Structures are given as structure tokens and as C-alpha cells.
C-alpha atoms as a PDB file:
ATOM      1  CA  MET A   1     116.331  85.212 106.076  1.00  0.00           C
ATOM      2  CA  LYS A   2     113.649  86.075 103.536  1.00  0.00           C
ATOM      3  CA  GLN A   3     110.531  84.354 102.221  1.00  0.00           C
ATOM      4  CA  THR A   4     107.947  85.399  99.619  1.00  0.00           C
ATOM      5  CA  ARG A   5     104.502  83.994  98.929  1.00  0.00           C
ATOM      6  CA  LEU A   6     101.591  84.976  96.708  1.00  0.00           C
ATOM      7  CA  ILE A   7      98.696  85.993  98.973  1.00  0.00           C
ATOM      8  CA  MET A   8      95.801  88.408  98.481  1.00  0.00           C
ATOM      9  CA  GLY A   9      96.614  88.404  94.775  1.00  0.00           C
ATOM     10  CA  MET A  10     100.064  89.927  95.291  1.00  0.00           C
ATOM     11  CA  PRO A  11     103.559  88.942  96.411  1.00  0.00           C
ATOM     12  CA  VAL A  12     104.059  89.188 100.169  1.00  0.00           C
ATOM     13  CA  SER A  13     107.694  89.219 101.310  1.00  0.00           C
ATOM     14  CA  VAL A  14     109.080  89.010 104.822  1.00  0.00           C
ATOM     15  CA  GLU A  15     112.756  89.421 105.681  1.00  0.00           C
ATOM     16  CA  VAL A  16     114.347  89.162 109.113  1.00  0.00           C
ATOM     17  CA  ALA A  17     117.874  90.528 109.577  1.00  0.00           C
ATOM     18  CA  ASP A  18     118.307  89.398 113.197  1.00  0.00           C
ATOM     19  CA  ALA A  19     120.976  86.826 114.022  1.00  0.00           C
ATOM     20  CA  ALA A  20     118.289  84.479 115.334  1.00  0.00           C
ATOM     21  CA  VAL A  21     114.917  84.070 113.638  1.00  0.00           C
ATOM     22  CA  PRO A  22     111.997  82.937 115.854  1.00  0.00           C
ATOM     23  CA  ASN A  23     110.754  79.464 115.008  1.00  0.00           C
ATOM     24  CA  GLY A  24     107.648  79.471 112.836  1.00  0.00           C
ATOM     25  CA  ILE A  25     107.501  83.246 112.406  1.00  0.00           C
ATOM     26  CA  PHE A  26     107.175  83.098 108.618  1.00  0.00           C
ATOM     27  CA  GLU A  27     104.337  80.586 108.776  1.00  0.00           C
ATOM     28  CA  GLN A  28     102.609  82.694 111.412  1.00  0.00           C
ATOM     29  CA  VAL A  29     102.828  85.878 109.356  1.00  0.00           C
ATOM     30  CA  PHE A  30     101.753  84.276 106.082  1.00  0.00           C
ATOM     31  CA  ALA A  31      98.868  82.534 107.845  1.00  0.00           C
ATOM     32  CA  PHE A  32      97.746  85.914 109.141  1.00  0.00           C
ATOM     33  CA  PHE A  33      97.718  87.414 105.630  1.00  0.00           C
ATOM     34  CA  THR A  34      95.757  84.412 104.377  1.00  0.00           C
ATOM     35  CA  SER A  35      93.163  84.949 107.116  1.00  0.00           C
ATOM     36  CA  VAL A  36      92.877  88.642 106.208  1.00  0.00           C
ATOM     37  CA  ASP A  37      92.244  87.705 102.585  1.00  0.00           C
ATOM     38  CA  ALA A  38      89.522  85.268 103.649  1.00  0.00           C
ATOM     39  CA  VAL A  39      87.714  88.014 105.563  1.00  0.00           C
ATOM     40  CA  PHE A  40      88.208  91.096 103.377  1.00  0.00           C
ATOM     41  CA  SER A  41      88.555  89.913  99.770  1.00  0.00           C
ATOM     42  CA  THR A  42      85.833  91.363  97.563  1.00  0.00           C
ATOM     43  CA  TYR A  43      86.604  88.573  95.064  1.00  0.00           C
ATOM     44  CA  LYS A  44      85.737  85.716  97.437  1.00  0.00           C
ATOM     45  CA  PRO A  45      81.952  85.199  97.607  1.00  0.00           C
ATOM     46  CA  GLU A  46      82.081  83.794 101.143  1.00  0.00           C
ATOM     47  CA  SER A  47      84.315  86.485 102.621  1.00  0.00           C
ATOM     48  CA  GLU A  48      82.758  88.660 105.295  1.00  0.00           C
ATOM     49  CA  ILE A  49      82.891  91.783 103.126  1.00  0.00           C
ATOM     50  CA  SER A  50      81.160  89.982 100.230  1.00  0.00           C
ATOM     51  CA  ARG A  51      78.451  88.738 102.588  1.00  0.00           C
ATOM     52  CA  ILE A  52      77.986  92.251 103.973  1.00  0.00           C
ATOM     53  CA  ASN A  53      77.710  93.655 100.444  1.00  0.00           C
ATOM     54  CA  ARG A  54      74.956  91.229  99.481  1.00  0.00           C
ATOM     55  CA  GLY A  55      73.084  91.691 102.750  1.00  0.00           C
ATOM     56  CA  ALA A  56      73.795  88.222 104.174  1.00  0.00           C
ATOM     57  CA  LEU A  57      75.742  89.634 107.130  1.00  0.00           C
ATOM     58  CA  THR A  58      75.357  92.841 109.128  1.00  0.00           C
ATOM     59  CA  LEU A  59      78.294  94.820 110.425  1.00  0.00           C
ATOM     60  CA  ALA A  60      77.121  94.158 113.975  1.00  0.00           C
ATOM     61  CA  GLU A  61      77.353  90.425 113.274  1.00  0.00           C
ATOM     62  CA  ALA A  62      80.757  90.665 111.623  1.00  0.00           C
ATOM     63  CA  SER A  63      84.138  89.944 113.189  1.00  0.00           C
ATOM     64  CA  HIS A  64      85.994  92.325 115.456  1.00  0.00           C
ATOM     65  CA  ASP A  65      88.528  92.954 112.659  1.00  0.00           C
ATOM     66  CA  MET A  66      85.775  93.941 110.232  1.00  0.00           C
ATOM     67  CA  ARG A  67      84.223  96.351 112.711  1.00  0.00           C
ATOM     68  CA  THR A  68      87.687  97.772 113.395  1.00  0.00           C
ATOM     69  CA  ILE A  69      88.332  98.384 109.698  1.00  0.00           C
ATOM     70  CA  PHE A  70      84.958 100.111 109.247  1.00  0.00           C
ATOM     71  CA  ALA A  71      85.721 102.353 112.241  1.00  0.00           C
ATOM     72  CA  LEU A  72      89.198 103.177 110.932  1.00  0.00           C
ATOM     73  CA  ALA A  73      87.782 103.876 107.479  1.00  0.00           C
ATOM     74  CA  GLU A  74      85.255 106.313 108.931  1.00  0.00           C
ATOM     75  CA  GLN A  75      88.009 108.013 110.925  1.00  0.00           C
ATOM     76  CA  THR A  76      90.070 108.368 107.742  1.00  0.00           C
ATOM     77  CA  ARG A  77      87.082 109.697 105.794  1.00  0.00           C
ATOM     78  CA  GLN A  78      86.663 112.450 108.351  1.00  0.00           C
ATOM     79  CA  GLU A  79      90.391 113.232 108.560  1.00  0.00           C
ATOM     80  CA  THR A  80      90.675 113.569 104.770  1.00  0.00           C
ATOM     81  CA  GLY A  81      87.598 115.689 104.198  1.00  0.00           C
ATOM     82  CA  GLY A  82      85.762 112.836 102.526  1.00  0.00           C
ATOM     83  CA  TYR A  83      88.472 111.921 100.006  1.00  0.00           C
ATOM     84  CA  PHE A  84      88.726 108.438 101.515  1.00  0.00           C
ATOM     85  CA  ASP A  85      85.485 106.489 101.441  1.00  0.00           C
ATOM     86  CA  ILE A  86      85.038 102.716 101.320  1.00  0.00           C
ATOM     87  CA  ALA A  87      81.393 103.031 100.221  1.00  0.00           C
ATOM     88  CA  ARG A  88      80.775 103.144  96.489  1.00  0.00           C
ATOM     89  CA  GLY A  89      77.802 102.212  94.374  1.00  0.00           C
ATOM     90  CA  GLY A  90      75.898 100.652  97.242  1.00  0.00           C
ATOM     91  CA  ALA A  91      78.782  98.385  98.273  1.00  0.00           C
ATOM     92  CA  TYR A  92      81.896  98.545 100.435  1.00  0.00           C
ATOM     93  CA  ASP A  93      85.490  98.027  99.364  1.00  0.00           C
ATOM     94  CA  PRO A  94      87.902  98.468 102.284  1.00  0.00           C
ATOM     95  CA  SER A  95      90.996  97.435 100.306  1.00  0.00           C
ATOM     96  CA  GLY A  96      92.363 100.991 100.464  1.00  0.00           C
ATOM     97  CA  ILE A  97      92.883 100.595 104.186  1.00  0.00           C
ATOM     98  CA  VAL A  98      93.075  96.847 104.749  1.00  0.00           C
ATOM     99  CA  LYS A  99      96.479  96.259 103.155  1.00  0.00           C
ATOM    100  CA  GLY A 100      98.335  98.821 105.243  1.00  0.00           C
ATOM    101  CA  TRP A 101      96.514  97.682 108.369  1.00  0.00           C
ATOM    102  CA  ALA A 102      97.371  94.042 107.640  1.00  0.00           C
ATOM    103  CA  ILE A 103     101.059  94.811 107.077  1.00  0.00           C
ATOM    104  CA  TYR A 104     101.146  96.769 110.330  1.00  0.00           C
ATOM    105  CA  GLN A 105      99.467  93.933 112.234  1.00  0.00           C
ATOM    106  CA  ALA A 106     101.907  91.425 110.727  1.00  0.00           C
ATOM    107  CA  ALA A 107     104.783  93.615 111.907  1.00  0.00           C
ATOM    108  CA  GLN A 108     103.259  93.638 115.384  1.00  0.00           C
ATOM    109  CA  ILE A 109     103.187  89.826 115.340  1.00  0.00           C
ATOM    110  CA  MET A 110     106.881  89.829 114.488  1.00  0.00           C
ATOM    111  CA  ARG A 111     107.753  92.311 117.217  1.00  0.00           C
ATOM    112  CA  LEU A 112     105.915  90.257 119.820  1.00  0.00           C
ATOM    113  CA  ALA A 113     107.847  87.197 118.653  1.00  0.00           C
ATOM    114  CA  GLY A 114     111.101  89.022 119.335  1.00  0.00           C
ATOM    115  CA  CYS A 115     112.057  90.288 115.871  1.00  0.00           C
ATOM    116  CA  ARG A 116     113.889  93.604 115.952  1.00  0.00           C
ATOM    117  CA  ASN A 117     115.215  94.119 112.428  1.00  0.00           C
ATOM    118  CA  PHE A 118     112.838  93.192 109.616  1.00  0.00           C
ATOM    119  CA  TYR A 119     110.544  94.350 106.883  1.00  0.00           C
ATOM    120  CA  VAL A 120     107.153  93.240 105.601  1.00  0.00           C
ATOM    121  CA  ASP A 121     106.313  94.008 101.969  1.00  0.00           C
ATOM    122  CA  ALA A 122     102.870  93.375 100.481  1.00  0.00           C
ATOM    123  CA  GLY A 123     102.440  94.481  96.896  1.00  0.00           C
ATOM    124  CA  GLY A 124     105.109  97.163  97.218  1.00  0.00           C
ATOM    125  CA  ASP A 125     103.829  98.680 100.461  1.00  0.00           C
ATOM    126  CA  ILE A 126     106.382  98.219 103.217  1.00  0.00           C
ATOM    127  CA  GLN A 127     106.862  98.349 106.965  1.00  0.00           C
ATOM    128  CA  ALA A 128     110.595  98.685 107.610  1.00  0.00           C
ATOM    129  CA  THR A 129     111.735  98.128 111.184  1.00  0.00           C
ATOM    130  CA  GLY A 130     115.233  98.458 112.578  1.00  0.00           C
ATOM    131  CA  CYS A 131     118.128  97.877 110.180  1.00  0.00           C
ATOM    132  CA  ASN A 132     119.101  95.524 107.364  1.00  0.00           C
ATOM    133  CA  ARG A 133     121.758  92.830 107.669  1.00  0.00           C
ATOM    134  CA  HIS A 134     124.457  95.461 107.104  1.00  0.00           C
ATOM    135  CA  GLY A 135     123.276  97.481 110.076  1.00  0.00           C
ATOM    136  CA  GLN A 136     121.944 100.238 107.809  1.00  0.00           C
ATOM    137  CA  PRO A 137     118.436 101.566 107.169  1.00  0.00           C
ATOM    138  CA  TRP A 138     116.348  99.474 104.803  1.00  0.00           C
ATOM    139  CA  ARG A 139     116.464 100.541 101.130  1.00  0.00           C
ATOM    140  CA  VAL A 140     113.117 101.012  99.408  1.00  0.00           C
ATOM    141  CA  GLY A 141     112.898 101.877  95.731  1.00  0.00           C
ATOM    142  CA  ILE A 142     110.295 104.180  94.197  1.00  0.00           C
ATOM    143  CA  ARG A 143     109.434 102.590  90.857  1.00  0.00           C
ATOM    144  CA  SER A 144     108.763 104.535  87.705  1.00  0.00           C
ATOM    145  CA  PRO A 145     105.052 104.326  86.851  1.00  0.00           C
ATOM    146  CA  PHE A 146     106.081 104.158  83.189  1.00  0.00           C
ATOM    147  CA  ALA A 147     108.714 101.390  83.423  1.00  0.00           C
ATOM    148  CA  ILE A 148     108.094  98.939  86.270  1.00  0.00           C
ATOM    149  CA  ASN A 149     111.730  97.792  86.407  1.00  0.00           C
ATOM    150  CA  GLN A 150     113.125 101.305  86.656  1.00  0.00           C
ATOM    151  CA  ILE A 151     113.804 102.822  90.094  1.00  0.00           C
ATOM    152  CA  VAL A 152     113.616 106.612  90.108  1.00  0.00           C
ATOM    153  CA  LYS A 153     114.536 107.153  93.764  1.00  0.00           C
ATOM    154  CA  VAL A 154     115.920 105.015  96.560  1.00  0.00           C
ATOM    155  CA  LEU A 155     114.744 105.692 100.099  1.00  0.00           C
ATOM    156  CA  ALA A 156     116.641 104.789 103.264  1.00  0.00           C
ATOM    157  CA  VAL A 157     114.110 104.167 106.040  1.00  0.00           C
ATOM    158  CA  SER A 158     114.002 102.671 109.501  1.00  0.00           C
ATOM    159  CA  ASP A 159     110.892 102.307 111.664  1.00  0.00           C
ATOM    160  CA  ARG A 160     108.761 103.805 108.914  1.00  0.00           C
ATOM    161  CA  GLY A 161     106.074 102.742 106.491  1.00  0.00           C
ATOM    162  CA  VAL A 162     106.233 103.389 102.746  1.00  0.00           C
ATOM    163  CA  ALA A 163     103.102 103.132 100.594  1.00  0.00           C
ATOM    164  CA  THR A 164     102.452 103.944  96.950  1.00  0.00           C
ATOM    165  CA  SER A 165      99.096 104.664  95.334  1.00  0.00           C
ATOM    166  CA  GLY A 166      98.669 104.987  91.593  1.00  0.00           C
ATOM    167  CA  THR A 167      97.308 103.591  88.377  1.00  0.00           C
ATOM    168  CA  SER A 168     100.372 101.963  86.792  1.00  0.00           C
ATOM    169  CA  ILE A 169      99.831  98.448  88.187  1.00  0.00           C
ATOM    170  CA  ARG A 170      96.148  98.022  89.079  1.00  0.00           C
ATOM    171  CA  GLY A 171      94.770 100.570  86.609  1.00  0.00           C
ATOM    172  CA  GLU A 172      91.980 102.987  87.484  1.00  0.00           C
ATOM    173  CA  HIS A 173      91.034 101.527  90.872  1.00  0.00           C
ATOM    174  CA  ILE A 174      91.145 104.737  92.933  1.00  0.00           C
ATOM    175  CA  TYR A 175      88.303 107.225  92.689  1.00  0.00           C
ATOM    176  CA  ASN A 176      87.410 110.676  93.957  1.00  0.00           C
ATOM    177  CA  PRO A 177      84.344 110.285  96.208  1.00  0.00           C
ATOM    178  CA  MET A 178      83.473 113.921  95.545  1.00  0.00           C
ATOM    179  CA  VAL A 179      83.016 113.478  91.794  1.00  0.00           C
ATOM    180  CA  ALA A 180      81.091 110.899  89.775  1.00  0.00           C
ATOM    181  CA  GLY A 181      82.962 108.946  87.130  1.00  0.00           C
ATOM    182  CA  PRO A 182      86.635 108.052  86.635  1.00  0.00           C
ATOM    183  CA  LEU A 183      89.346 109.859  88.568  1.00  0.00           C
ATOM    184  CA  ALA A 184      90.494 112.896  86.567  1.00  0.00           C
ATOM    185  CA  THR A 185      94.086 113.698  87.471  1.00  0.00           C
ATOM    186  CA  ASP A 186      97.527 114.138  85.960  1.00  0.00           C
ATOM    187  CA  ALA A 187      99.021 112.202  88.881  1.00  0.00           C
ATOM    188  CA  VAL A 188     100.013 108.623  88.134  1.00  0.00           C
ATOM    189  CA  SER A 189     101.946 107.697  91.279  1.00  0.00           C
ATOM    190  CA  LEU A 190     102.170 108.980  94.835  1.00  0.00           C
ATOM    191  CA  THR A 191     104.561 107.476  97.372  1.00  0.00           C
ATOM    192  CA  VAL A 192     104.100 108.371 101.028  1.00  0.00           C
ATOM    193  CA  ILE A 193     106.482 107.823 103.942  1.00  0.00           C
ATOM    194  CA  GLY A 194     104.755 107.729 107.305  1.00  0.00           C
ATOM    195  CA  PRO A 195     105.385 106.744 110.926  1.00  0.00           C
ATOM    196  CA  ASN A 196     104.048 103.277 110.053  1.00  0.00           C
ATOM    197  CA  ILE A 197     102.581 101.531 107.027  1.00  0.00           C
ATOM    198  CA  TYR A 198      98.979 101.805 108.172  1.00  0.00           C
ATOM    199  CA  GLU A 199      99.202 105.595 108.358  1.00  0.00           C
ATOM    200  CA  ALA A 200     101.199 105.866 105.124  1.00  0.00           C
ATOM    201  CA  ASP A 201      98.803 103.631 103.178  1.00  0.00           C
ATOM    202  CA  ARG A 202      95.530 105.271 104.149  1.00  0.00           C
ATOM    203  CA  PHE A 203      96.783 108.785 103.510  1.00  0.00           C
ATOM    204  CA  ALA A 204      98.459 107.792 100.243  1.00  0.00           C
ATOM    205  CA  THR A 205      95.126 106.495  98.954  1.00  0.00           C
ATOM    206  CA  ALA A 206      93.242 109.626  99.989  1.00  0.00           C
ATOM    207  CA  ALA A 207      95.933 111.994  98.727  1.00  0.00           C
ATOM    208  CA  PHE A 208      96.040 110.313  95.319  1.00  0.00           C
ATOM    209  CA  ALA A 209      92.280 110.802  95.009  1.00  0.00           C
ATOM    210  CA  MET A 210      92.885 114.530  95.510  1.00  0.00           C
ATOM    211  CA  GLY A 211      94.947 114.710  92.319  1.00  0.00           C
ATOM    212  CA  ALA A 212      97.806 117.196  92.131  1.00  0.00           C
ATOM    213  CA  ALA A 213      96.651 118.758  95.402  1.00  0.00           C
ATOM    214  CA  GLY A 214      97.423 115.488  97.193  1.00  0.00           C
ATOM    215  CA  ILE A 215     101.101 116.294  97.606  1.00  0.00           C
ATOM    216  CA  LEU A 216     100.125 119.530  99.375  1.00  0.00           C
ATOM    217  CA  PHE A 217      97.918 117.507 101.705  1.00  0.00           C
ATOM    218  CA  ILE A 218     100.877 115.260 102.565  1.00  0.00           C
ATOM    219  CA  GLU A 219     103.094 118.322 103.065  1.00  0.00           C
ATOM    220  CA  ARG A 220     100.745 119.554 105.769  1.00  0.00           C
ATOM    221  CA  LEU A 221     100.703 116.210 107.629  1.00  0.00           C
ATOM    222  CA  GLU A 222     103.178 116.184 110.473  1.00  0.00           C
ATOM    223  CA  GLY A 223     105.551 113.235 110.267  1.00  0.00           C
ATOM    224  CA  PHE A 224     104.805 112.421 106.605  1.00  0.00           C
ATOM    225  CA  GLU A 225     106.659 112.955 103.328  1.00  0.00           C
ATOM    226  CA  GLY A 226     105.576 112.306  99.751  1.00  0.00           C
ATOM    227  CA  TYR A 227     106.814 111.932  96.168  1.00  0.00           C
ATOM    228  CA  LEU A 228     104.323 112.458  93.327  1.00  0.00           C
ATOM    229  CA  ILE A 229     104.897 111.672  89.645  1.00  0.00           C
ATOM    230  CA  ASP A 230     102.532 113.055  87.003  1.00  0.00           C
ATOM    231  CA  ARG A 231     101.719 111.732  83.547  1.00  0.00           C
ATOM    232  CA  HIS A 232     104.432 113.916  82.037  1.00  0.00           C
ATOM    233  CA  GLY A 233     107.070 112.302  84.247  1.00  0.00           C
ATOM    234  CA  GLN A 234     107.402 115.420  86.375  1.00  0.00           C
ATOM    235  CA  ALA A 235     108.076 114.804  90.073  1.00  0.00           C
ATOM    236  CA  THR A 236     106.829 116.947  92.950  1.00  0.00           C
ATOM    237  CA  PHE A 237     107.867 116.142  96.494  1.00  0.00           C
ATOM    238  CA  THR A 238     107.480 117.410 100.021  1.00  0.00           C
ATOM    239  CA  SER A 239     110.030 119.650 101.680  1.00  0.00           C
ATOM    240  CA  GLY A 240     111.404 117.036 104.065  1.00  0.00           C
ATOM    241  CA  LEU A 241     111.736 114.113 101.653  1.00  0.00           C
ATOM    242  CA  GLY A 242     115.461 114.707 101.215  1.00  0.00           C
ATOM    243  CA  ARG A 243     116.363 113.225 104.561  1.00  0.00           C
ATOM    244  CA  TYR A 244     115.123 109.840 103.349  1.00  0.00           C
ATOM    245  CA  ILE A 245     116.869 109.870  99.962  1.00  0.00           C
ATOM    246  CA  ASP A 246     119.787 107.479  99.661  1.00  0.00           C
ATOM    247  CA  ASN A 247     121.994 109.478  97.302  1.00  0.00           C
ATOM    248  CA  ASP A 248     124.588 106.708  97.147  1.00  0.00           C
ATOM    249  CA  ARG A 249     122.083 104.326  95.572  1.00  0.00           C
ATOM    250  CA  LEU A 250     120.630 106.530  92.830  1.00  0.00           C
ATOM    251  CA  ASP A 251     121.062 105.499  89.166  1.00  0.00           C
END
């Protein structure tokens, strides 16, 4: 059973492949995403992050989730040598870590409800758990950054997170905290497979900010694989990516 709704300005899809689907699980998951949007959206003037940015709310006064995200963002900043930073221009934008965290938390809600085989997809970032309805790993397509309907690789993943950072859909929204001005890079898309979507998402964002060197950063991370596409259409990928490629499903 699968449902999709537009939340946080993007399609959020949930599919459960178990024989029995817990009552109300879809409503519970979508309600969670709606609550995350209400707290973290930089476009909503009354969200907690907007109130923090205009000085109407301190971090100490904010919710536990907000304080958690700030702590996780600082941890990621340190682990990436400063290439991940939610502070910019005197304001905070935690979107580079919130989406992956929210997907992971939604997956935890589903696990606690008894779901064993499912995926959660928010804007193309996915937590795949267990198997699909055919008893096989979930298939996740890597889209071409030049033709949104074209799939360049198909991944077969189970109990993994898959996140993509790039400029093809949202434009120039990722920046290099080390350098003033727009991000200067030949990279246009970087897909990362990690042990879960939270880990994959935060490191995909940081690695993309590193430019071409980002794929080398992912190569050095234990338990992670990556697939980078540059503006010339050239792909560079990590040494262990092959074990996730579904060769039977390639065009």
C-alpha cells in the first residue's frame, strides 16, 4: 500500500509492503512531516526557526527537536571540516539536515508500529527498509540532472538510506562555507548511499559543497558509497558502489 502527499513543499511518499498495514500509520507519518514543516520551515514566519532568525526565540527556549537539530548540525560541521554549516548571513537554515532526520524519524515511527518492509521518500531522498512486495531489495533510481525523467542508474537497497544533493531541481541552494559567493563546482549531482537516510543526507550535502573532491570524501567514509555527475555528464563513483547497482534494471 502506498500514499503520497505534498508536504514541506515536496512530494512525500510512503509505501508498506507488509501483508498487514498498521491502522492509521499513513496519517501518523504524514502528520509528523507536517509538524516538522511547522517547526523548521524558513518560509513560515511563525515557525521556530523563523522566530529564532528574527530574535523572537532563543535556542534555549526552543523545542527539544530544534535543539537536537542544532546539536546534530554542529556535530556534522565538525565531522566535515566545516563544509556543513547551517549558519549563513546572520541566519540559520537547517534544511540540509532536517529532511534526512525527518525521514529517519518517520521510519522509526513505522518500525515501532510494526512495519518491517517499507520505504519513506521525501523529495527523492529515501529510507528503504526490508524488501519490496516481491521480496527483493527496493529499487531506487538515480535521475539524470539534465533530464529529470531519465534514470541513469538503478540501485537495489535494503536497510539503507539514499540521498541526492545537487542543483538540477532547487537551483543554487548549496554553498561552500569556506568561500564567499556562489558555489563554484563542476559537480551537478551527488547521490550517497548510507547506513540510514539521516547519515546519507547530511554527508551528501557536505560532500557536494566540496565540489569534485566530495566523492573522495565519501570514498573515505566507512559504510558509504557515492555517485557524482559533473556538468559534462561524466560520472565518478566510489569503489564499492557496484554492489548496489541493479544491472537487470538499467536502460
